Amino acid sequence: MIPRKILLTIWVALACTVPWWFFDESTRWFGLPAWVTYAILSAIIYSCMLGLVIQKYWQPEEDAD
């Protein structure tokens, strides 16, 4: 994947972690408001995705020593 595509994917995934569309605060998932549960789960998924991207595409610099 090219760096521009990687960056775009990361930014889109990050934007999806924000609970934009939760207007009804009475809905509950697992005893918490729906937007809280969504934010927690999406943060976990985003962290895993970011970890995989870093593990696969990060190029560590070689020491010149």
C-alpha atoms as a PDB file:
ATOM      1  CA  MET A   1       0.000   0.000   0.000  1.00  0.00           C
ATOM      2  CA  ILE A   2       1.282   3.456  -0.757  1.00  0.00           C
ATOM      3  CA  PRO A   3       1.780   5.888   2.144  1.00  0.00           C
ATOM      4  CA  ARG A   4      -0.999   8.211   0.970  1.00  0.00           C
ATOM      5  CA  LYS A   5      -3.476   5.340   0.938  1.00  0.00           C
ATOM      6  CA  ILE A   6      -2.358   4.210   4.391  1.00  0.00           C
ATOM      7  CA  LEU A   7      -2.785   7.711   5.808  1.00  0.00           C
ATOM      8  CA  LEU A   8      -6.230   8.076   4.220  1.00  0.00           C
ATOM      9  CA  THR A   9      -7.330   4.724   5.637  1.00  0.00           C
ATOM     10  CA  ILE A  10      -6.132   5.683   9.117  1.00  0.00           C
ATOM     11  CA  TRP A  11      -7.926   9.051   9.034  1.00  0.00           C
ATOM     12  CA  VAL A  12     -11.194   7.527   7.769  1.00  0.00           C
ATOM     13  CA  ALA A  13     -11.060   4.827  10.442  1.00  0.00           C
ATOM     14  CA  LEU A  14     -10.382   7.464  13.099  1.00  0.00           C
ATOM     15  CA  ALA A  15     -13.368   9.526  11.905  1.00  0.00           C
ATOM     16  CA  CYS A  16     -15.542   6.406  12.189  1.00  0.00           C
ATOM     17  CA  THR A  17     -14.669   6.063  15.879  1.00  0.00           C
ATOM     18  CA  VAL A  18     -16.533   9.258  16.769  1.00  0.00           C
ATOM     19  CA  PRO A  19     -20.193   8.556  17.622  1.00  0.00           C
ATOM     20  CA  TRP A  20     -21.688  11.187  15.283  1.00  0.00           C
ATOM     21  CA  TRP A  21     -25.170   9.761  14.861  1.00  0.00           C
ATOM     22  CA  PHE A  22     -26.326   8.890  18.378  1.00  0.00           C
ATOM     23  CA  PHE A  23     -29.153  11.297  19.154  1.00  0.00           C
ATOM     24  CA  ASP A  24     -31.352   9.045  21.306  1.00  0.00           C
ATOM     25  CA  GLU A  25     -29.657   8.844  24.686  1.00  0.00           C
ATOM     26  CA  SER A  26     -32.187   6.383  26.125  1.00  0.00           C
ATOM     27  CA  THR A  27     -30.860   3.426  24.072  1.00  0.00           C
ATOM     28  CA  ARG A  28     -28.606   1.198  26.165  1.00  0.00           C
ATOM     29  CA  TRP A  29     -26.133  -1.509  25.127  1.00  0.00           C
ATOM     30  CA  PHE A  30     -24.623  -3.653  27.876  1.00  0.00           C
ATOM     31  CA  GLY A  31     -25.998  -1.269  30.499  1.00  0.00           C
ATOM     32  CA  LEU A  32     -24.268   1.799  29.037  1.00  0.00           C
ATOM     33  CA  PRO A  33     -25.579   4.462  26.684  1.00  0.00           C
ATOM     34  CA  ALA A  34     -25.247   3.234  23.094  1.00  0.00           C
ATOM     35  CA  TRP A  35     -22.787   5.950  22.123  1.00  0.00           C
ATOM     36  CA  VAL A  36     -20.430   5.012  24.982  1.00  0.00           C
ATOM     37  CA  THR A  37     -20.399   1.348  24.008  1.00  0.00           C
ATOM     38  CA  TYR A  38     -19.858   2.284  20.358  1.00  0.00           C
ATOM     39  CA  ALA A  39     -16.969   4.606  21.257  1.00  0.00           C
ATOM     40  CA  ILE A  40     -15.263   1.951  23.397  1.00  0.00           C
ATOM     41  CA  LEU A  41     -15.629  -0.826  20.828  1.00  0.00           C
ATOM     42  CA  SER A  42     -14.569   1.371  17.922  1.00  0.00           C
ATOM     43  CA  ALA A  43     -11.512   2.582  19.867  1.00  0.00           C
ATOM     44  CA  ILE A  44     -10.480  -1.030  20.484  1.00  0.00           C
ATOM     45  CA  ILE A  45     -10.960  -1.919  16.805  1.00  0.00           C
ATOM     46  CA  TYR A  46      -9.091   1.212  15.690  1.00  0.00           C
ATOM     47  CA  SER A  47      -6.183   0.432  18.010  1.00  0.00           C
ATOM     48  CA  CYS A  48      -5.894  -3.101  16.650  1.00  0.00           C
ATOM     49  CA  MET A  49      -6.073  -1.845  13.060  1.00  0.00           C
ATOM     50  CA  LEU A  50      -3.429   0.801  13.730  1.00  0.00           C
ATOM     51  CA  GLY A  51      -1.196  -1.779  15.385  1.00  0.00           C
ATOM     52  CA  LEU A  52      -1.444  -4.059  12.346  1.00  0.00           C
ATOM     53  CA  VAL A  53      -0.674  -1.200   9.954  1.00  0.00           C
ATOM     54  CA  ILE A  54       2.362  -0.144  11.990  1.00  0.00           C
ATOM     55  CA  GLN A  55       3.593  -3.721  12.282  1.00  0.00           C
ATOM     56  CA  LYS A  56       3.297  -4.338   8.549  1.00  0.00           C
ATOM     57  CA  TYR A  57       4.392  -1.029   7.027  1.00  0.00           C
ATOM     58  CA  TRP A  58       6.741   0.598   9.571  1.00  0.00           C
ATOM     59  CA  GLN A  59      10.297   0.701   8.243  1.00  0.00           C
ATOM     60  CA  PRO A  60      12.769   1.097  11.140  1.00  0.00           C
ATOM     61  CA  GLU A  61      15.911   3.027  10.345  1.00  0.00           C
ATOM     62  CA  GLU A  62      19.137   1.072  10.233  1.00  0.00           C
ATOM     63  CA  ASP A  63      21.868   2.256  12.587  1.00  0.00           C
ATOM     64  CA  ALA A  64      24.847   3.764  10.762  1.00  0.00           C
ATOM     65  CA  ASP A  65      27.242   2.732  13.527  1.00  0.00           C
END
